Protein backbone atom coordinates (compact mmCIF):
# COMPACT_ATOMS: atom_id res chain seq x y z
CA MET A 1 -0.03 -0.17 0.30
CA SER A 2 1.70 3.47 -0.79
CA ARG A 3 1.57 6.30 1.62
CA PRO A 4 -0.05 9.59 0.85
CA PRO A 5 1.57 12.75 -0.12
CA GLU A 6 3.43 14.64 2.65
CA GLY A 7 0.79 17.06 3.88
CA ALA A 8 -2.09 15.28 2.54
CA LEU A 9 -5.54 15.37 4.47
CA LEU A 10 -7.22 12.14 5.23
CA CYS A 11 -10.62 11.49 5.95
CA ALA A 12 -12.47 8.36 7.51
CA TYR A 13 -16.22 8.19 7.17
CA PRO A 14 -18.18 5.93 9.35
CA SER A 15 -19.95 3.07 7.78
CA PRO A 16 -23.84 3.81 7.61
CA ALA A 17 -24.49 1.23 10.28
CA ALA A 18 -22.15 3.54 12.78
CA ALA A 19 -23.77 6.21 11.72
CA ALA A 20 -27.60 5.49 12.70
CA ARG A 21 -26.20 4.53 16.46
CA PRO A 22 -25.14 7.15 18.71
CA ALA A 23 -22.01 6.43 20.41
CA ARG A 24 -22.44 5.24 24.08
CA GLY A 25 -20.10 5.10 27.19
CA PHE A 26 -21.95 1.95 28.19
CA SER A 27 -22.62 -1.81 27.81
CA GLU A 28 -25.39 -3.22 26.08
CA HIS A 29 -26.44 -4.81 29.89
CA THR A 30 -26.62 -1.31 31.07
CA GLN A 31 -28.69 -0.33 28.52
CA TRP A 32 -31.23 -3.14 28.88
CA LEU A 33 -30.99 -2.37 32.71
CA VAL A 34 -32.20 1.30 31.92
CA ASP A 35 -34.69 0.18 29.42
CA GLN A 36 -36.32 -2.10 32.17
CA GLU A 37 -36.20 0.61 34.89
CA VAL A 38 -37.58 2.87 32.48
CA ALA A 39 -40.30 0.32 31.56
CA ALA A 40 -41.23 -0.26 35.44
CA LEU A 41 -41.58 3.52 35.84
CA LEU A 42 -44.34 3.90 33.07
CA ALA A 43 -46.01 0.86 34.03
CA ARG A 44 -46.19 2.22 37.85
CA ALA A 45 -47.40 5.46 36.66
CA GLU A 46 -50.05 4.43 34.18
CA ALA A 47 -51.29 2.05 36.90
CA ARG A 48 -51.65 4.98 39.29
CA ALA A 49 -53.24 7.48 36.43
CA ARG A 50 -55.66 5.02 35.98
CA ASP A 51 -56.65 3.91 39.67
CA LEU A 52 -56.99 8.03 40.19
CA LEU A 53 -59.22 8.02 36.97
CA THR A 54 -61.34 5.06 37.86
CA ARG A 55 -61.68 6.29 41.93
CA HIS A 56 -62.73 9.81 40.69
CA ARG A 57 -64.40 9.11 37.88
CA GLU A 58 -67.91 10.54 39.02
CA ALA A 59 -66.07 13.82 39.79
CA LEU A 60 -64.49 13.80 36.36
CA THR A 61 -67.76 13.09 35.01
CA GLN A 62 -69.19 16.26 36.74
CA LEU A 63 -66.29 18.29 35.95
CA THR A 64 -67.21 17.40 31.96
CA ALA A 65 -70.64 18.33 32.30
CA ALA A 66 -69.86 21.32 34.11
CA LEU A 67 -67.23 22.39 31.38
CA LEU A 68 -69.61 21.52 28.67
CA ALA A 69 -72.28 23.47 30.08
CA GLU A 70 -70.30 26.66 30.92
CA GLU A 71 -67.01 26.26 28.96
CA THR A 72 -65.11 27.89 31.72
CA ILE A 73 -65.36 27.51 35.57
CA THR A 74 -63.33 28.69 38.13
CA GLY A 75 -60.52 26.97 40.46
CA ASP A 76 -62.95 27.16 43.35
CA GLU A 77 -65.69 25.23 41.21
CA VAL A 78 -63.32 22.56 40.19
CA ARG A 79 -62.10 21.83 43.62
CA ALA A 80 -65.55 21.80 44.76
CA LEU A 81 -66.03 19.26 42.41
CA ALA A 82 -62.85 17.20 43.16
CA ALA A 83 -63.22 17.54 46.88
CA ALA A 84 -62.99 14.13 48.55
CA GLY A 85 -66.29 13.24 50.73
CA ARG A 86 -68.35 15.64 49.20
CA ALA A 87 -70.98 14.55 46.08
CA PRO A 88 -71.51 17.33 44.08
CA GLN A 89 -75.04 18.04 42.62
CA PRO A 90 -75.44 16.23 39.03
CA ILE A 91 -75.58 18.88 36.41
CA ALA A 92 -78.96 18.28 34.41
CA LEU A 93 -78.24 17.80 30.86
CA PRO A 94 -80.55 17.49 28.16
CA ALA A 95 -81.79 14.33 26.95
CA GLY A 96 -79.66 12.72 24.34
CA HIS A 97 -76.34 14.71 25.31
CA PRO A 98 -73.11 12.89 24.61
CA ILE A 99 -72.49 12.59 28.48
CA ALA A 100 -75.89 12.34 29.79
CA GLY A 101 -75.82 9.20 32.34
CA CYS A 102 -72.18 8.68 32.13
CA GLY A 103 -70.57 7.47 35.25
CA ARG A 104 -73.69 6.43 36.85
CA ARG A 105 -73.82 2.39 37.66
């Protein structure tokens, strides 16, 4: 193999496969551990969100009805709907309204 001329600039280009993946300073196993932990965090967050939404379904239904009826409501009205231990008075919706009857068992 011949040598390049004195003073010549040499360039090396990475292969397309190498350019597609970012350089890492950790092993595949470490990446797997991180992925597992992220997946567990997301699963716990999803379960908590579902639990909260299920437990507060009636308040969410009332909030939805209030927003559909008024378009805007105050923070005090939201807090009143979400307050634990207090059942807000149902908002009467016209028959055939898209959420009429939602949240009732």
